[in-house]
Amino acid sequence: MAMTDTFLVMNIVHTFSDVITMPVIAFILLAIFIIGLVMQLFSERFNFYGLLSIAAMVLFFSGHLLTGENNLWALALFVLGSFLVIVEFFVIGTFLGIIGIILLLLSIVLVSGNMILYSIFLLIIIIIASFMVVGLIKSKKRRIPFLNRLILSDATDAESGYTSFDDRSDLIGITAKTITPLRPSGTIRYGERRIDAVAEGSYIPADTEVKVILVESSRVVVRPIEE
């Protein structure tokens, strides 16, 4: 009976591996992973796209790790790459994120056992994902939230209601609402005025009531108002 159960389990495992490693299935899983990752980058918080992306990668790796000769190297590269990508969300800059993405792609190619075919797969998917990014930015004017730390993405011209002056001491004590997330810098609205501000901590979400607690020249520091 035990041998029968063992044989059944082994048969299920082999069947699972055979299905996952089919080129068509593998391509679909990789597409879900990369496209889901792109959609997650355009979201403020972790959501369904991120969950779907992770699930696709788990299925891909679990199926391919049962075959091939470079499993441990591929798994190590995948873990290290994932770690660097996660760290990138908390560190200003793009170097770690780029290295992490490269390691992730290398781990996928290495674990597949067919470097040429899977390199072509990744190239096709990356091209598709690139068109998606351009389309989302142009058609819906969407932005990647974590890039707000690196560039000032909000318009600061007169038509957008932006004003700038040296003495802003009159702002101390006022309450306003954040237009963009403060990571820690961003934009708040006070009446019809749009003001560049800095969070007292490291992060304040958008649409949050805040109070100006400090003004130093053009630097406006705000704190969220506790309900």
C-alpha atoms as a PDB file:
ATOM      1  CA  MET A   1       0.000   0.000   0.000  1.00  0.00           C
ATOM      2  CA  ALA A   2       2.840   2.368   0.916  1.00  0.00           C
ATOM      3  CA  MET A   3       4.609   1.639  -2.352  1.00  0.00           C
ATOM      4  CA  THR A   4       1.407   2.342  -4.255  1.00  0.00           C
ATOM      5  CA  ASP A   5       0.988   5.690  -2.499  1.00  0.00           C
ATOM      6  CA  THR A   6       4.624   6.574  -3.181  1.00  0.00           C
ATOM      7  CA  PHE A   7       4.246   5.668  -6.841  1.00  0.00           C
ATOM      8  CA  LEU A   8       1.077   7.779  -7.072  1.00  0.00           C
ATOM      9  CA  VAL A   9       2.802  10.790  -5.519  1.00  0.00           C
ATOM     10  CA  MET A  10       5.804  10.423  -7.832  1.00  0.00           C
ATOM     11  CA  ASN A  11       3.499  10.127 -10.819  1.00  0.00           C
ATOM     12  CA  ILE A  12       1.665  13.329  -9.808  1.00  0.00           C
ATOM     13  CA  VAL A  13       4.966  15.160  -9.326  1.00  0.00           C
ATOM     14  CA  HIS A  14       6.283  14.045 -12.724  1.00  0.00           C
ATOM     15  CA  THR A  15       3.012  14.971 -14.411  1.00  0.00           C
ATOM     16  CA  PHE A  16       3.071  18.405 -12.776  1.00  0.00           C
ATOM     17  CA  SER A  17       6.667  18.949 -13.861  1.00  0.00           C
ATOM     18  CA  ASP A  18       5.934  17.809 -17.423  1.00  0.00           C
ATOM     19  CA  VAL A  19       2.996  20.215 -17.711  1.00  0.00           C
ATOM     20  CA  ILE A  20       4.819  23.222 -16.238  1.00  0.00           C
ATOM     21  CA  THR A  21       7.904  22.694 -18.412  1.00  0.00           C
ATOM     22  CA  MET A  22       5.877  22.583 -21.616  1.00  0.00           C
ATOM     23  CA  PRO A  23       7.075  25.580 -23.672  1.00  0.00           C
ATOM     24  CA  VAL A  24       3.570  26.995 -24.107  1.00  0.00           C
ATOM     25  CA  ILE A  25       2.732  26.752 -20.385  1.00  0.00           C
ATOM     26  CA  ALA A  26       6.137  28.126 -19.404  1.00  0.00           C
ATOM     27  CA  PHE A  27       5.693  31.080 -21.766  1.00  0.00           C
ATOM     28  CA  ILE A  28       2.260  31.851 -20.299  1.00  0.00           C
ATOM     29  CA  LEU A  29       3.601  31.714 -16.736  1.00  0.00           C
ATOM     30  CA  LEU A  30       6.509  34.005 -17.596  1.00  0.00           C
ATOM     31  CA  ALA A  31       4.137  36.428 -19.318  1.00  0.00           C
ATOM     32  CA  ILE A  32       1.873  36.500 -16.259  1.00  0.00           C
ATOM     33  CA  PHE A  33       4.889  37.067 -14.010  1.00  0.00           C
ATOM     34  CA  ILE A  34       6.364  39.996 -15.952  1.00  0.00           C
ATOM     35  CA  ILE A  35       3.096  41.662 -16.971  1.00  0.00           C
ATOM     36  CA  GLY A  36       1.725  41.245 -13.441  1.00  0.00           C
ATOM     37  CA  LEU A  37       4.912  42.818 -12.109  1.00  0.00           C
ATOM     38  CA  VAL A  38       4.488  45.768 -14.468  1.00  0.00           C
ATOM     39  CA  MET A  39       0.890  46.303 -13.353  1.00  0.00           C
ATOM     40  CA  GLN A  40       1.966  46.079  -9.708  1.00  0.00           C
ATOM     41  CA  LEU A  41       4.546  48.827 -10.269  1.00  0.00           C
ATOM     42  CA  PHE A  42       1.717  51.177 -11.250  1.00  0.00           C
ATOM     43  CA  SER A  43      -0.136  50.490  -7.984  1.00  0.00           C
ATOM     44  CA  GLU A  44       0.308  52.252  -4.658  1.00  0.00           C
ATOM     45  CA  ARG A  45      -0.101  49.057  -2.654  1.00  0.00           C
ATOM     46  CA  PHE A  46       0.431  45.333  -3.117  1.00  0.00           C
ATOM     47  CA  ASN A  47      -2.626  43.939  -4.908  1.00  0.00           C
ATOM     48  CA  PHE A  48      -3.981  41.118  -7.083  1.00  0.00           C
ATOM     49  CA  TYR A  49      -1.444  41.722  -9.841  1.00  0.00           C
ATOM     50  CA  GLY A  50       1.449  41.239  -7.452  1.00  0.00           C
ATOM     51  CA  LEU A  51      -0.127  38.098  -6.020  1.00  0.00           C
ATOM     52  CA  LEU A  52      -0.733  36.685  -9.508  1.00  0.00           C
ATOM     53  CA  SER A  53       2.848  37.478 -10.510  1.00  0.00           C
ATOM     54  CA  ILE A  54       4.252  35.672  -7.470  1.00  0.00           C
ATOM     55  CA  ALA A  55       1.982  32.659  -8.019  1.00  0.00           C
ATOM     56  CA  ALA A  56       3.097  32.351 -11.648  1.00  0.00           C
ATOM     57  CA  MET A  57       6.766  32.465 -10.664  1.00  0.00           C
ATOM     58  CA  VAL A  58       6.263  29.873  -7.894  1.00  0.00           C
ATOM     59  CA  LEU A  59       4.590  27.506 -10.350  1.00  0.00           C
ATOM     60  CA  PHE A  60       7.295  28.096 -12.968  1.00  0.00           C
ATOM     61  CA  PHE A  61      10.175  27.454 -10.596  1.00  0.00           C
ATOM     62  CA  SER A  62       8.573  24.569  -8.727  1.00  0.00           C
ATOM     63  CA  GLY A  63       8.014  22.743 -12.004  1.00  0.00           C
ATOM     64  CA  HIS A  64      11.466  23.434 -13.432  1.00  0.00           C
ATOM     65  CA  LEU A  65      13.370  22.763 -10.224  1.00  0.00           C
ATOM     66  CA  LEU A  66      12.319  19.119 -10.479  1.00  0.00           C
ATOM     67  CA  THR A  67      14.364  18.826 -13.647  1.00  0.00           C
ATOM     68  CA  GLY A  68      17.663  20.211 -14.902  1.00  0.00           C
ATOM     69  CA  GLU A  69      21.192  20.299 -13.553  1.00  0.00           C
ATOM     70  CA  ASN A  70      21.575  23.891 -12.378  1.00  0.00           C
ATOM     71  CA  ASN A  71      18.736  24.010  -9.893  1.00  0.00           C
ATOM     72  CA  LEU A  72      20.656  25.286  -6.874  1.00  0.00           C
ATOM     73  CA  TRP A  73      22.429  28.043  -8.819  1.00  0.00           C
ATOM     74  CA  ALA A  74      19.152  29.138 -10.406  1.00  0.00           C
ATOM     75  CA  LEU A  75      17.344  29.146  -7.061  1.00  0.00           C
ATOM     76  CA  ALA A  76      20.166  31.129  -5.424  1.00  0.00           C
ATOM     77  CA  LEU A  77      20.103  33.729  -8.211  1.00  0.00           C
ATOM     78  CA  PHE A  78      16.318  33.977  -7.981  1.00  0.00           C
ATOM     79  CA  VAL A  79      16.350  34.510  -4.204  1.00  0.00           C
ATOM     80  CA  LEU A  80      19.158  37.089  -4.412  1.00  0.00           C
ATOM     81  CA  GLY A  81      17.496  38.901  -7.322  1.00  0.00           C
ATOM     82  CA  SER A  82      14.145  39.028  -5.520  1.00  0.00           C
ATOM     83  CA  PHE A  83      15.848  40.375  -2.403  1.00  0.00           C
ATOM     84  CA  LEU A  84      17.561  43.172  -4.340  1.00  0.00           C
ATOM     85  CA  VAL A  85      14.311  44.150  -6.086  1.00  0.00           C
ATOM     86  CA  ILE A  86      12.512  44.333  -2.721  1.00  0.00           C
ATOM     87  CA  VAL A  87      15.348  46.403  -1.205  1.00  0.00           C
ATOM     88  CA  GLU A  88      15.083  48.791  -4.155  1.00  0.00           C
ATOM     89  CA  PHE A  89      11.629  49.883  -2.952  1.00  0.00           C
ATOM     90  CA  PHE A  90      13.201  51.214   0.258  1.00  0.00           C
ATOM     91  CA  VAL A  91      16.480  52.644  -1.078  1.00  0.00           C
ATOM     92  CA  ILE A  92      16.739  55.717  -3.299  1.00  0.00           C
ATOM     93  CA  GLY A  93      18.346  54.859  -6.623  1.00  0.00           C
ATOM     94  CA  THR A  94      17.943  52.223  -9.317  1.00  0.00           C
ATOM     95  CA  PHE A  95      21.236  50.296  -9.239  1.00  0.00           C
ATOM     96  CA  LEU A  96      20.105  47.518  -6.886  1.00  0.00           C
ATOM     97  CA  GLY A  97      16.814  47.099  -8.741  1.00  0.00           C
ATOM     98  CA  ILE A  98      18.552  46.740 -12.110  1.00  0.00           C
ATOM     99  CA  ILE A  99      20.983  44.149 -10.711  1.00  0.00           C
ATOM    100  CA  GLY A 100      18.069  42.294  -9.108  1.00  0.00           C
ATOM    101  CA  ILE A 101      16.082  42.162 -12.353  1.00  0.00           C
ATOM    102  CA  ILE A 102      19.131  40.895 -14.255  1.00  0.00           C
ATOM    103  CA  LEU A 103      19.641  38.125 -11.685  1.00  0.00           C
ATOM    104  CA  LEU A 104      15.962  37.176 -11.899  1.00  0.00           C
ATOM    105  CA  LEU A 105      16.138  36.875 -15.683  1.00  0.00           C
ATOM    106  CA  LEU A 106      19.363  34.841 -15.450  1.00  0.00           C
ATOM    107  CA  SER A 107      17.773  32.486 -12.932  1.00  0.00           C
ATOM    108  CA  ILE A 108      14.804  31.914 -15.256  1.00  0.00           C
ATOM    109  CA  VAL A 109      17.048  31.137 -18.219  1.00  0.00           C
ATOM    110  CA  LEU A 110      19.325  28.925 -16.116  1.00  0.00           C
ATOM    111  CA  VAL A 111      16.572  26.838 -14.516  1.00  0.00           C
ATOM    112  CA  SER A 112      14.818  26.312 -17.855  1.00  0.00           C
ATOM    113  CA  GLY A 113      17.590  24.151 -19.312  1.00  0.00           C
ATOM    114  CA  ASN A 114      17.057  25.751 -22.735  1.00  0.00           C
ATOM    115  CA  MET A 115      18.814  29.112 -22.691  1.00  0.00           C
ATOM    116  CA  ILE A 116      18.152  30.052 -26.318  1.00  0.00           C
ATOM    117  CA  LEU A 117      14.422  29.301 -26.318  1.00  0.00           C
ATOM    118  CA  TYR A 118      13.740  30.950 -22.967  1.00  0.00           C
ATOM    119  CA  SER A 119      15.871  33.965 -23.831  1.00  0.00           C
ATOM    120  CA  ILE A 120      13.619  34.446 -26.858  1.00  0.00           C
ATOM    121  CA  PHE A 121      10.558  34.007 -24.627  1.00  0.00           C
ATOM    122  CA  LEU A 122      11.797  36.679 -22.224  1.00  0.00           C
ATOM    123  CA  LEU A 123      12.695  39.055 -25.050  1.00  0.00           C
ATOM    124  CA  ILE A 124       9.206  38.779 -26.548  1.00  0.00           C
ATOM    125  CA  ILE A 125       7.509  39.281 -23.167  1.00  0.00           C
ATOM    126  CA  ILE A 126       9.722  42.227 -22.240  1.00  0.00           C
ATOM    127  CA  ILE A 127       8.909  43.926 -25.563  1.00  0.00           C
ATOM    128  CA  ILE A 128       5.183  43.407 -24.921  1.00  0.00           C
ATOM    129  CA  ALA A 129       5.539  44.713 -21.354  1.00  0.00           C
ATOM    130  CA  SER A 130       7.446  47.767 -22.617  1.00  0.00           C
ATOM    131  CA  PHE A 131       4.608  48.652 -24.982  1.00  0.00           C
ATOM    132  CA  MET A 132       2.189  48.224 -22.067  1.00  0.00           C
ATOM    133  CA  VAL A 133       4.189  50.649 -19.921  1.00  0.00           C
ATOM    134  CA  VAL A 134       4.273  53.265 -22.691  1.00  0.00           C
ATOM    135  CA  GLY A 135       0.572  52.775 -23.363  1.00  0.00           C
ATOM    136  CA  LEU A 136      -0.389  53.140 -19.703  1.00  0.00           C
ATOM    137  CA  ILE A 137       1.686  56.283 -19.281  1.00  0.00           C
ATOM    138  CA  LYS A 138       0.392  57.958 -22.456  1.00  0.00           C
ATOM    139  CA  SER A 139      -3.249  56.915 -22.545  1.00  0.00           C
ATOM    140  CA  LYS A 140      -4.091  57.091 -18.855  1.00  0.00           C
ATOM    141  CA  LYS A 141      -1.259  59.365 -17.704  1.00  0.00           C
ATOM    142  CA  ARG A 142      -0.405  56.858 -14.997  1.00  0.00           C
ATOM    143  CA  ARG A 143       2.830  56.994 -13.055  1.00  0.00           C
ATOM    144  CA  ILE A 144       5.008  54.480 -11.262  1.00  0.00           C
ATOM    145  CA  PRO A 145       4.626  55.436  -7.567  1.00  0.00           C
ATOM    146  CA  PHE A 146       8.116  54.520  -6.337  1.00  0.00           C
ATOM    147  CA  LEU A 147       9.690  56.780  -9.014  1.00  0.00           C
ATOM    148  CA  ASN A 148       8.197  59.776  -7.188  1.00  0.00           C
ATOM    149  CA  ARG A 149      11.163  59.490  -4.834  1.00  0.00           C
ATOM    150  CA  LEU A 150      13.563  60.139  -7.698  1.00  0.00           C
ATOM    151  CA  ILE A 151      11.841  62.848  -9.741  1.00  0.00           C
ATOM    152  CA  LEU A 152       9.346  65.616  -9.158  1.00  0.00           C
ATOM    153  CA  SER A 153       6.453  64.362 -11.221  1.00  0.00           C
ATOM    154  CA  ASP A 154       3.881  67.042 -10.484  1.00  0.00           C
ATOM    155  CA  ALA A 155       3.509  70.167 -12.581  1.00  0.00           C
ATOM    156  CA  THR A 156       4.749  73.318 -10.848  1.00  0.00           C
ATOM    157  CA  ASP A 157       3.662  75.966 -13.313  1.00  0.00           C
ATOM    158  CA  ALA A 158       1.219  78.790 -12.811  1.00  0.00           C
ATOM    159  CA  GLU A 159      -1.512  76.992 -14.765  1.00  0.00           C
ATOM    160  CA  SER A 160      -1.419  74.156 -12.224  1.00  0.00           C
ATOM    161  CA  GLY A 161      -1.904  76.579  -9.347  1.00  0.00           C
ATOM    162  CA  TYR A 162       1.666  76.392  -8.117  1.00  0.00           C
ATOM    163  CA  THR A 163       3.051  79.387  -6.246  1.00  0.00           C
ATOM    164  CA  SER A 164       6.524  80.013  -4.926  1.00  0.00           C
ATOM    165  CA  PHE A 165       7.809  82.669  -2.535  1.00  0.00           C
ATOM    166  CA  ASP A 166      10.627  83.041  -0.057  1.00  0.00           C
ATOM    167  CA  ASP A 167       8.650  83.685   3.121  1.00  0.00           C
ATOM    168  CA  ARG A 168       6.222  80.874   3.891  1.00  0.00           C
ATOM    169  CA  SER A 169       5.991  81.366   7.626  1.00  0.00           C
ATOM    170  CA  ASP A 170       2.260  82.043   7.221  1.00  0.00           C
ATOM    171  CA  LEU A 171       1.787  78.343   6.434  1.00  0.00           C
ATOM    172  CA  ILE A 172       2.741  77.160   9.927  1.00  0.00           C
ATOM    173  CA  GLY A 173      -0.254  75.575  11.648  1.00  0.00           C
ATOM    174  CA  ILE A 174      -2.500  75.321   8.590  1.00  0.00           C
ATOM    175  CA  THR A 175      -4.185  72.061   7.614  1.00  0.00           C
ATOM    176  CA  ALA A 176      -4.020  70.766   4.056  1.00  0.00           C
ATOM    177  CA  LYS A 177      -4.462  67.557   2.092  1.00  0.00           C
ATOM    178  CA  THR A 178      -1.799  65.555   0.281  1.00  0.00           C
ATOM    179  CA  ILE A 179      -2.271  65.376  -3.499  1.00  0.00           C
ATOM    180  CA  THR A 180       0.523  62.860  -4.023  1.00  0.00           C
ATOM    181  CA  PRO A 181       2.132  60.421  -1.610  1.00  0.00           C
ATOM    182  CA  LEU A 182       4.967  62.002   0.365  1.00  0.00           C
ATOM    183  CA  ARG A 183       8.003  59.655   0.123  1.00  0.00           C
ATOM    184  CA  PRO A 184       9.055  61.810   1.945  1.00  0.00           C
ATOM    185  CA  SER A 185       8.570  64.713  -0.524  1.00  0.00           C
ATOM    186  CA  GLY A 186       5.458  65.396  -2.572  1.00  0.00           C
ATOM    187  CA  THR A 187       2.659  67.919  -3.058  1.00  0.00           C
ATOM    188  CA  ILE A 188      -0.125  69.138  -0.772  1.00  0.00           C
ATOM    189  CA  ARG A 189      -3.154  71.322  -1.503  1.00  0.00           C
ATOM    190  CA  TYR A 190      -4.165  74.274   0.660  1.00  0.00           C
ATOM    191  CA  GLY A 191      -7.241  75.891  -0.790  1.00  0.00           C
ATOM    192  CA  GLU A 192      -6.376  76.507  -4.437  1.00  0.00           C
ATOM    193  CA  ARG A 193      -2.637  76.427  -3.794  1.00  0.00           C
ATOM    194  CA  ARG A 194      -0.361  73.503  -4.560  1.00  0.00           C
ATOM    195  CA  ILE A 195       2.647  73.425  -2.248  1.00  0.00           C
ATOM    196  CA  ASP A 196       5.731  71.225  -2.288  1.00  0.00           C
ATOM    197  CA  ALA A 197       6.075  69.608   1.128  1.00  0.00           C
ATOM    198  CA  VAL A 198       8.114  67.058   3.048  1.00  0.00           C
ATOM    199  CA  ALA A 199       6.729  64.442   5.448  1.00  0.00           C
ATOM    200  CA  GLU A 200       7.919  64.545   9.043  1.00  0.00           C
ATOM    201  CA  GLY A 201       8.387  60.783   8.807  1.00  0.00           C
ATOM    202  CA  SER A 202       9.273  58.707   5.786  1.00  0.00           C
ATOM    203  CA  TYR A 203       5.855  58.331   4.103  1.00  0.00           C
ATOM    204  CA  ILE A 204       2.368  59.860   4.061  1.00  0.00           C
ATOM    205  CA  PRO A 205      -0.258  58.473   1.616  1.00  0.00           C
ATOM    206  CA  ALA A 206      -2.177  60.636  -0.847  1.00  0.00           C
ATOM    207  CA  ASP A 207      -5.527  62.189   0.204  1.00  0.00           C
ATOM    208  CA  THR A 208      -4.387  62.482   3.831  1.00  0.00           C
ATOM    209  CA  GLU A 209      -5.153  65.471   6.059  1.00  0.00           C
ATOM    210  CA  VAL A 210      -1.868  66.996   7.248  1.00  0.00           C
ATOM    211  CA  LYS A 211      -0.723  69.930   9.354  1.00  0.00           C
ATOM    212  CA  VAL A 212       2.243  72.176   8.614  1.00  0.00           C
ATOM    213  CA  ILE A 213       4.561  72.006  11.627  1.00  0.00           C
ATOM    214  CA  LEU A 214       7.723  73.653  10.306  1.00  0.00           C
ATOM    215  CA  VAL A 215       8.762  76.076   7.561  1.00  0.00           C
ATOM    216  CA  GLU A 216      12.409  76.637   6.719  1.00  0.00           C
ATOM    217  CA  SER A 217      12.806  78.946   3.726  1.00  0.00           C
ATOM    218  CA  SER A 218      11.039  77.014   0.922  1.00  0.00           C
ATOM    219  CA  ARG A 219      10.992  73.740   2.887  1.00  0.00           C
ATOM    220  CA  VAL A 220       7.555  72.921   4.301  1.00  0.00           C
ATOM    221  CA  VAL A 221       7.351  70.035   6.780  1.00  0.00           C
ATOM    222  CA  VAL A 222       3.984  68.387   7.454  1.00  0.00           C
ATOM    223  CA  ARG A 223       2.601  65.796   9.853  1.00  0.00           C
ATOM    224  CA  PRO A 224      -0.540  63.640   9.348  1.00  0.00           C
ATOM    225  CA  ILE A 225      -3.512  64.637  11.499  1.00  0.00           C
ATOM    226  CA  GLU A 226      -4.602  61.798  13.733  1.00  0.00           C
ATOM    227  CA  GLU A 227      -8.320  61.087  13.657  1.00  0.00           C
END
